[in-house]
Amino acid sequence: MKKLVVIDDDPKVRSLMRVRLQSAYEVFDTGDPAEAFALVLAKKPDAILLDLLMPGHSGFELCHSMHSFSFTSKIPIFIVTGENGNFFREHCKTLGASGYFEKPVDFPALIGAIESAAPARRIERRAHLRVAMKVMLKLVVRGESNKFKSEIVTTENISAGGFLCACTTPLAKDDVVEVHLSGQEERYVGKARVARKEVSGAPWQNYGFQLIEKSEAWVLQ
């Protein structure tokens, strides 16, 4: 059975969604947008039904974040809202939404859209799940004659097997750096290889690092 995650702060709407959809789908819901990411990562749904305006949170931002995040980027997001589509439909499409439905919901049309989108999706599952977690690291690059330079960087995208970050030290693909957790107590993590380099016009470059040697100090095992 396909799985859906419903994100809406109105409990009556969530209850209605569950009643109308539970015969065809396994439905999970939350009224707290702050918990939405964790629920989606845990349940790995075939589609997400998202309200736009919720107290303290913007469905627009949540839609954009889920569409941009590597592990959730391929999951179809359907906006289900009381807001007039003439104002927001195209904007939501640019943020990554697969469809826009105004309340009261046309459930046959919604189900048809889910069925059309869900079978076509192919989640590119990585060897390790990436998590949005802010971590400060010290990267050490050793050169000729054992000379080295170090740089403090911040990553907000990590996995058990690597991380993404920007740094000013020029690196080439397959270069190896030492990795340390930076903070009040510095801890050696291991060694990482540059697996990907993203071209940028800025004075820094974005790199994808793969851990090739890892200690128990790394934040995800």
C-alpha atoms as a PDB file:
ATOM      1  CA  MET A   1       0.000   0.000   0.000  1.00  0.00           C
ATOM      2  CA  LYS A   2       1.336   3.436  -0.923  1.00  0.00           C
ATOM      3  CA  LYS A   3       2.067   5.852   1.909  1.00  0.00           C
ATOM      4  CA  LEU A   4       1.083   9.505   2.270  1.00  0.00           C
ATOM      5  CA  VAL A   5       2.201  12.170   4.741  1.00  0.00           C
ATOM      6  CA  VAL A   6      -0.297  14.961   5.449  1.00  0.00           C
ATOM      7  CA  ILE A   7       1.054  18.227   6.898  1.00  0.00           C
ATOM      8  CA  ASP A   8      -1.734  20.542   8.078  1.00  0.00           C
ATOM      9  CA  ASP A   9      -2.241  22.432  11.337  1.00  0.00           C
ATOM     10  CA  ASP A  10      -6.048  21.909  11.243  1.00  0.00           C
ATOM     11  CA  PRO A  11      -6.952  18.608  12.972  1.00  0.00           C
ATOM     12  CA  LYS A  12     -10.331  18.521  11.197  1.00  0.00           C
ATOM     13  CA  VAL A  13      -8.623  18.626   7.822  1.00  0.00           C
ATOM     14  CA  ARG A  14      -6.190  15.888   8.825  1.00  0.00           C
ATOM     15  CA  SER A  15      -9.080  13.754  10.057  1.00  0.00           C
ATOM     16  CA  LEU A  16     -10.963  14.272   6.792  1.00  0.00           C
ATOM     17  CA  MET A  17      -7.880  13.378   4.764  1.00  0.00           C
ATOM     18  CA  ARG A  18      -7.423  10.198   6.736  1.00  0.00           C
ATOM     19  CA  VAL A  19     -11.084   9.169   6.349  1.00  0.00           C
ATOM     20  CA  ARG A  20     -11.163   9.837   2.609  1.00  0.00           C
ATOM     21  CA  LEU A  21      -7.759   8.362   1.757  1.00  0.00           C
ATOM     22  CA  GLN A  22      -7.094   5.528   4.211  1.00  0.00           C
ATOM     23  CA  SER A  23      -8.878   2.920   2.094  1.00  0.00           C
ATOM     24  CA  ALA A  24      -6.295   3.372  -0.654  1.00  0.00           C
ATOM     25  CA  TYR A  25      -3.247   4.626   1.248  1.00  0.00           C
ATOM     26  CA  GLU A  26      -1.423   4.312   4.529  1.00  0.00           C
ATOM     27  CA  VAL A  27      -1.817   7.837   5.896  1.00  0.00           C
ATOM     28  CA  PHE A  28       0.496   9.568   8.381  1.00  0.00           C
ATOM     29  CA  ASP A  29      -0.117  13.118   9.493  1.00  0.00           C
ATOM     30  CA  THR A  30       1.260  15.916  11.618  1.00  0.00           C
ATOM     31  CA  GLY A  31      -0.015  19.311  12.686  1.00  0.00           C
ATOM     32  CA  ASP A  32       3.482  20.503  13.537  1.00  0.00           C
ATOM     33  CA  PRO A  33       5.461  21.611  10.474  1.00  0.00           C
ATOM     34  CA  ALA A  34       8.653  21.468  12.550  1.00  0.00           C
ATOM     35  CA  GLU A  35       8.173  17.684  12.806  1.00  0.00           C
ATOM     36  CA  ALA A  36       7.372  17.247   9.121  1.00  0.00           C
ATOM     37  CA  PHE A  37      10.895  16.504   7.915  1.00  0.00           C
ATOM     38  CA  ALA A  38      11.446  13.839  10.556  1.00  0.00           C
ATOM     39  CA  LEU A  39       8.118  12.197   9.713  1.00  0.00           C
ATOM     40  CA  VAL A  40       8.864  12.174   5.979  1.00  0.00           C
ATOM     41  CA  LEU A  41      12.339  10.740   6.531  1.00  0.00           C
ATOM     42  CA  ALA A  42      10.963   8.057   8.846  1.00  0.00           C
ATOM     43  CA  LYS A  43       7.997   6.986   6.691  1.00  0.00           C
ATOM     44  CA  LYS A  44       9.446   7.505   3.188  1.00  0.00           C
ATOM     45  CA  PRO A  45       6.027   8.303   1.679  1.00  0.00           C
ATOM     46  CA  ASP A  46       5.000   8.059  -1.963  1.00  0.00           C
ATOM     47  CA  ALA A  47       3.534  11.583  -1.800  1.00  0.00           C
ATOM     48  CA  ILE A  48       3.236  14.569   0.556  1.00  0.00           C
ATOM     49  CA  LEU A  49       0.062  16.634   1.041  1.00  0.00           C
ATOM     50  CA  LEU A  50       1.022  20.077   2.321  1.00  0.00           C
ATOM     51  CA  ASP A  51      -0.961  23.067   3.606  1.00  0.00           C
ATOM     52  CA  LEU A  52       0.467  26.509   2.828  1.00  0.00           C
ATOM     53  CA  LEU A  53      -0.321  28.782   5.767  1.00  0.00           C
ATOM     54  CA  MET A  54       0.359  27.407   9.234  1.00  0.00           C
ATOM     55  CA  PRO A  55       1.063  29.320  12.482  1.00  0.00           C
ATOM     56  CA  GLY A  56       4.740  30.187  12.696  1.00  0.00           C
ATOM     57  CA  HIS A  57       5.640  28.287   9.541  1.00  0.00           C
ATOM     58  CA  SER A  58       5.398  28.762   5.802  1.00  0.00           C
ATOM     59  CA  GLY A  59       4.333  25.900   3.602  1.00  0.00           C
ATOM     60  CA  PHE A  60       6.199  27.655   0.808  1.00  0.00           C
ATOM     61  CA  GLU A  61       9.511  27.277   2.654  1.00  0.00           C
ATOM     62  CA  LEU A  62       8.732  23.680   3.610  1.00  0.00           C
ATOM     63  CA  CYS A  63       7.870  22.811   0.003  1.00  0.00           C
ATOM     64  CA  HIS A  64      11.105  24.365  -1.252  1.00  0.00           C
ATOM     65  CA  SER A  65      13.201  22.662   1.451  1.00  0.00           C
ATOM     66  CA  MET A  66      11.752  19.204   0.826  1.00  0.00           C
ATOM     67  CA  HIS A  67      12.135  19.587  -2.921  1.00  0.00           C
ATOM     68  CA  SER A  68      15.769  20.692  -2.485  1.00  0.00           C
ATOM     69  CA  PHE A  69      16.841  18.106   0.117  1.00  0.00           C
ATOM     70  CA  SER A  70      18.489  15.149  -1.586  1.00  0.00           C
ATOM     71  CA  PHE A  71      16.529  12.355   0.114  1.00  0.00           C
ATOM     72  CA  THR A  72      13.088  13.976  -0.324  1.00  0.00           C
ATOM     73  CA  SER A  73      13.587  15.763  -3.642  1.00  0.00           C
ATOM     74  CA  LYS A  74      11.904  13.034  -5.715  1.00  0.00           C
ATOM     75  CA  ILE A  75       8.774  12.709  -3.555  1.00  0.00           C
ATOM     76  CA  PRO A  76       5.758  14.427  -5.213  1.00  0.00           C
ATOM     77  CA  ILE A  77       4.409  17.314  -3.106  1.00  0.00           C
ATOM     78  CA  PHE A  78       0.762  18.308  -3.523  1.00  0.00           C
ATOM     79  CA  ILE A  79      -0.410  21.611  -2.073  1.00  0.00           C
ATOM     80  CA  VAL A  80      -3.802  21.269  -0.374  1.00  0.00           C
ATOM     81  CA  THR A  81      -4.896  24.689   0.828  1.00  0.00           C
ATOM     82  CA  GLY A  82      -7.718  27.146   1.297  1.00  0.00           C
ATOM     83  CA  GLU A  83      -5.731  29.812  -0.543  1.00  0.00           C
ATOM     84  CA  ASN A  84      -6.901  30.866  -4.002  1.00  0.00           C
ATOM     85  CA  GLY A  85      -4.823  29.132  -6.631  1.00  0.00           C
ATOM     86  CA  ASN A  86      -4.793  32.189  -8.895  1.00  0.00           C
ATOM     87  CA  PHE A  87      -2.282  33.801  -6.539  1.00  0.00           C
ATOM     88  CA  PHE A  88      -0.054  30.889  -5.533  1.00  0.00           C
ATOM     89  CA  ARG A  89      -0.328  28.025  -8.052  1.00  0.00           C
ATOM     90  CA  GLU A  90       2.561  29.046 -10.310  1.00  0.00           C
ATOM     91  CA  HIS A  91       4.754  30.095  -7.393  1.00  0.00           C
ATOM     92  CA  CYS A  92       4.299  26.697  -5.734  1.00  0.00           C
ATOM     93  CA  LYS A  93       5.178  25.022  -9.012  1.00  0.00           C
ATOM     94  CA  THR A  94       8.497  26.888  -9.113  1.00  0.00           C
ATOM     95  CA  LEU A  95       9.164  25.683  -5.547  1.00  0.00           C
ATOM     96  CA  GLY A  96       8.777  22.066  -6.634  1.00  0.00           C
ATOM     97  CA  ALA A  97       5.092  21.265  -6.041  1.00  0.00           C
ATOM     98  CA  SER A  98       3.606  18.602  -8.329  1.00  0.00           C
ATOM     99  CA  GLY A  99       0.018  19.836  -7.959  1.00  0.00           C
ATOM    100  CA  TYR A 100      -2.236  22.422  -6.325  1.00  0.00           C
ATOM    101  CA  PHE A 101      -5.655  21.633  -4.801  1.00  0.00           C
ATOM    102  CA  GLU A 102      -7.977  24.133  -3.153  1.00  0.00           C
ATOM    103  CA  LYS A 103     -10.231  23.232  -0.221  1.00  0.00           C
ATOM    104  CA  PRO A 104     -12.810  21.741  -0.286  1.00  0.00           C
ATOM    105  CA  VAL A 105     -10.726  19.071  -1.948  1.00  0.00           C
ATOM    106  CA  ASP A 106     -11.771  17.261  -5.109  1.00  0.00           C
ATOM    107  CA  PHE A 107     -10.633  13.859  -3.812  1.00  0.00           C
ATOM    108  CA  PRO A 108     -11.039  11.902  -7.085  1.00  0.00           C
ATOM    109  CA  ALA A 109      -8.821  14.482  -8.803  1.00  0.00           C
ATOM    110  CA  LEU A 110      -6.316  14.403  -5.922  1.00  0.00           C
ATOM    111  CA  ILE A 111      -6.116  10.604  -5.971  1.00  0.00           C
ATOM    112  CA  GLY A 112      -5.705  10.664  -9.740  1.00  0.00           C
ATOM    113  CA  ALA A 113      -2.805  13.108  -9.436  1.00  0.00           C
ATOM    114  CA  ILE A 114      -1.127  11.010  -6.726  1.00  0.00           C
ATOM    115  CA  GLU A 115      -1.464   7.851  -8.798  1.00  0.00           C
ATOM    116  CA  SER A 116      -0.053   9.588 -11.863  1.00  0.00           C
ATOM    117  CA  ALA A 117       2.945  10.992 -10.006  1.00  0.00           C
ATOM    118  CA  ALA A 118       3.850   8.285  -7.495  1.00  0.00           C
ATOM    119  CA  PRO A 119       4.585   5.369  -9.881  1.00  0.00           C
ATOM    120  CA  ALA A 120       6.834   7.574 -11.987  1.00  0.00           C
ATOM    121  CA  ARG A 121       9.054   8.689  -9.157  1.00  0.00           C
ATOM    122  CA  ARG A 122      12.410   7.036  -8.664  1.00  0.00           C
ATOM    123  CA  ILE A 123      14.049   7.989  -5.392  1.00  0.00           C
ATOM    124  CA  GLU A 124      17.781   8.062  -5.874  1.00  0.00           C
ATOM    125  CA  ARG A 125      18.695   6.319  -2.663  1.00  0.00           C
ATOM    126  CA  ARG A 126      22.198   7.091  -1.526  1.00  0.00           C
ATOM    127  CA  ALA A 127      24.369   4.584   0.222  1.00  0.00           C
ATOM    128  CA  HIS A 128      23.925   6.758   3.329  1.00  0.00           C
ATOM    129  CA  LEU A 129      20.995   8.952   4.313  1.00  0.00           C
ATOM    130  CA  ARG A 130      21.939  12.622   4.423  1.00  0.00           C
ATOM    131  CA  VAL A 131      20.771  14.660   7.391  1.00  0.00           C
ATOM    132  CA  ALA A 132      20.521  18.426   7.831  1.00  0.00           C
ATOM    133  CA  MET A 133      22.763  18.931  10.858  1.00  0.00           C
ATOM    134  CA  LYS A 134      25.102  21.862  11.514  1.00  0.00           C
ATOM    135  CA  VAL A 135      28.610  20.643  12.374  1.00  0.00           C
ATOM    136  CA  MET A 136      31.906  22.548  12.553  1.00  0.00           C
ATOM    137  CA  LEU A 137      34.923  20.726  11.165  1.00  0.00           C
ATOM    138  CA  LYS A 138      38.637  21.346  10.755  1.00  0.00           C
ATOM    139  CA  LEU A 139      40.031  20.090   7.481  1.00  0.00           C
ATOM    140  CA  VAL A 140      43.776  19.474   7.285  1.00  0.00           C
ATOM    141  CA  VAL A 141      45.476  19.233   3.903  1.00  0.00           C
ATOM    142  CA  ARG A 142      48.984  17.786   3.898  1.00  0.00           C
ATOM    143  CA  GLY A 143      51.309  18.696   1.049  1.00  0.00           C
ATOM    144  CA  GLU A 144      54.886  18.079   0.019  1.00  0.00           C
ATOM    145  CA  SER A 145      57.500  17.674   2.770  1.00  0.00           C
ATOM    146  CA  ASN A 146      54.620  17.052   5.173  1.00  0.00           C
ATOM    147  CA  LYS A 147      53.681  20.738   5.130  1.00  0.00           C
ATOM    148  CA  PHE A 148      50.047  21.267   5.860  1.00  0.00           C
ATOM    149  CA  LYS A 149      47.346  23.907   6.039  1.00  0.00           C
ATOM    150  CA  SER A 150      44.089  23.742   7.944  1.00  0.00           C
ATOM    151  CA  GLU A 151      40.723  25.428   7.608  1.00  0.00           C
ATOM    152  CA  ILE A 152      37.628  25.575   9.823  1.00  0.00           C
ATOM    153  CA  VAL A 153      34.459  24.870   7.834  1.00  0.00           C
ATOM    154  CA  THR A 154      30.781  24.402   8.595  1.00  0.00           C
ATOM    155  CA  THR A 155      28.618  21.688   7.077  1.00  0.00           C
ATOM    156  CA  GLU A 156      24.844  21.392   7.289  1.00  0.00           C
ATOM    157  CA  ASN A 157      24.581  18.261   5.167  1.00  0.00           C
ATOM    158  CA  ILE A 158      26.112  15.083   6.567  1.00  0.00           C
ATOM    159  CA  SER A 159      25.751  11.320   6.397  1.00  0.00           C
ATOM    160  CA  ALA A 160      27.418   8.321   7.976  1.00  0.00           C
ATOM    161  CA  GLY A 161      29.748   8.231   5.010  1.00  0.00           C
ATOM    162  CA  GLY A 162      30.505  11.841   4.189  1.00  0.00           C
ATOM    163  CA  PHE A 163      29.530  15.509   4.148  1.00  0.00           C
ATOM    164  CA  LEU A 164      29.127  18.587   1.963  1.00  0.00           C
ATOM    165  CA  CYS A 165      30.789  21.907   2.712  1.00  0.00           C
ATOM    166  CA  ALA A 166      32.343  25.014   1.206  1.00  0.00           C
ATOM    167  CA  CYS A 167      35.981  25.907   1.778  1.00  0.00           C
ATOM    168  CA  THR A 168      38.492  28.403   0.422  1.00  0.00           C
ATOM    169  CA  THR A 169      41.372  25.922   0.164  1.00  0.00           C
ATOM    170  CA  PRO A 170      41.582  24.805  -3.489  1.00  0.00           C
ATOM    171  CA  LEU A 171      41.152  21.053  -3.797  1.00  0.00           C
ATOM    172  CA  ALA A 172      40.967  18.642  -6.711  1.00  0.00           C
ATOM    173  CA  LYS A 173      38.816  15.551  -7.132  1.00  0.00           C
ATOM    174  CA  ASP A 174      40.253  12.589  -5.191  1.00  0.00           C
ATOM    175  CA  ASP A 175      42.370  14.816  -2.926  1.00  0.00           C
ATOM    176  CA  VAL A 176      42.443  13.470   0.648  1.00  0.00           C
ATOM    177  CA  VAL A 177      42.078  15.610   3.784  1.00  0.00           C
ATOM    178  CA  GLU A 178      42.189  14.860   7.485  1.00  0.00           C
ATOM    179  CA  VAL A 179      38.915  15.642   9.264  1.00  0.00           C
ATOM    180  CA  HIS A 180      38.552  16.800  12.870  1.00  0.00           C
ATOM    181  CA  LEU A 181      35.460  17.826  14.818  1.00  0.00           C
ATOM    182  CA  SER A 182      36.040  21.449  15.780  1.00  0.00           C
ATOM    183  CA  GLY A 183      34.918  22.955  19.071  1.00  0.00           C
ATOM    184  CA  GLN A 184      35.952  23.203  22.685  1.00  0.00           C
ATOM    185  CA  GLU A 185      37.371  19.691  22.418  1.00  0.00           C
ATOM    186  CA  GLU A 186      38.829  18.869  19.018  1.00  0.00           C
ATOM    187  CA  ARG A 187      38.469  15.230  17.989  1.00  0.00           C
ATOM    188  CA  TYR A 188      39.994  13.347  15.079  1.00  0.00           C
ATOM    189  CA  VAL A 189      37.351  11.893  12.764  1.00  0.00           C
ATOM    190  CA  GLY A 190      39.406  10.301  10.028  1.00  0.00           C
ATOM    191  CA  LYS A 191      40.211  10.975   6.388  1.00  0.00           C
ATOM    192  CA  ALA A 192      37.943  12.063   3.552  1.00  0.00           C
ATOM    193  CA  ARG A 193      38.315  12.081  -0.215  1.00  0.00           C
ATOM    194  CA  VAL A 194      36.969  14.828  -2.476  1.00  0.00           C
ATOM    195  CA  ALA A 195      34.244  12.961  -4.358  1.00  0.00           C
ATOM    196  CA  ARG A 196      32.654  15.988  -6.027  1.00  0.00           C
ATOM    197  CA  LYS A 197      33.552  19.594  -6.728  1.00  0.00           C
ATOM    198  CA  GLU A 198      30.874  22.113  -7.674  1.00  0.00           C
ATOM    199  CA  VAL A 199      32.029  24.986  -9.856  1.00  0.00           C
ATOM    200  CA  SER A 200      31.430  28.380  -8.265  1.00  0.00           C
ATOM    201  CA  GLY A 201      32.333  31.954  -9.087  1.00  0.00           C
ATOM    202  CA  ALA A 202      32.721  32.729  -5.398  1.00  0.00           C
ATOM    203  CA  PRO A 203      36.099  32.780  -3.587  1.00  0.00           C
ATOM    204  CA  TRP A 204      35.133  29.461  -2.019  1.00  0.00           C
ATOM    205  CA  GLN A 205      34.176  26.130  -3.580  1.00  0.00           C
ATOM    206  CA  ASN A 206      31.530  23.592  -2.598  1.00  0.00           C
ATOM    207  CA  TYR A 207      32.866  20.073  -2.158  1.00  0.00           C
ATOM    208  CA  GLY A 208      31.349  16.687  -1.513  1.00  0.00           C
ATOM    209  CA  PHE A 209      33.593  14.578   0.749  1.00  0.00           C
ATOM    210  CA  GLN A 210      33.483  10.800   1.186  1.00  0.00           C
ATOM    211  CA  LEU A 211      34.945   9.395   4.398  1.00  0.00           C
ATOM    212  CA  ILE A 212      37.535   6.735   3.590  1.00  0.00           C
ATOM    213  CA  GLU A 213      38.706   6.331   7.183  1.00  0.00           C
ATOM    214  CA  LYS A 214      36.353   6.969  10.112  1.00  0.00           C
ATOM    215  CA  SER A 215      36.651   6.885  13.905  1.00  0.00           C
ATOM    216  CA  GLU A 216      33.882   6.613  16.474  1.00  0.00           C
ATOM    217  CA  ALA A 217      34.044  10.401  16.891  1.00  0.00           C
ATOM    218  CA  TRP A 218      32.027  10.975  13.696  1.00  0.00           C
ATOM    219  CA  VAL A 219      28.514  12.221  14.488  1.00  0.00           C
ATOM    220  CA  LEU A 220      26.705   9.554  12.423  1.00  0.00           C
ATOM    221  CA  GLN A 221      27.699   5.888  12.483  1.00  0.00           C
END
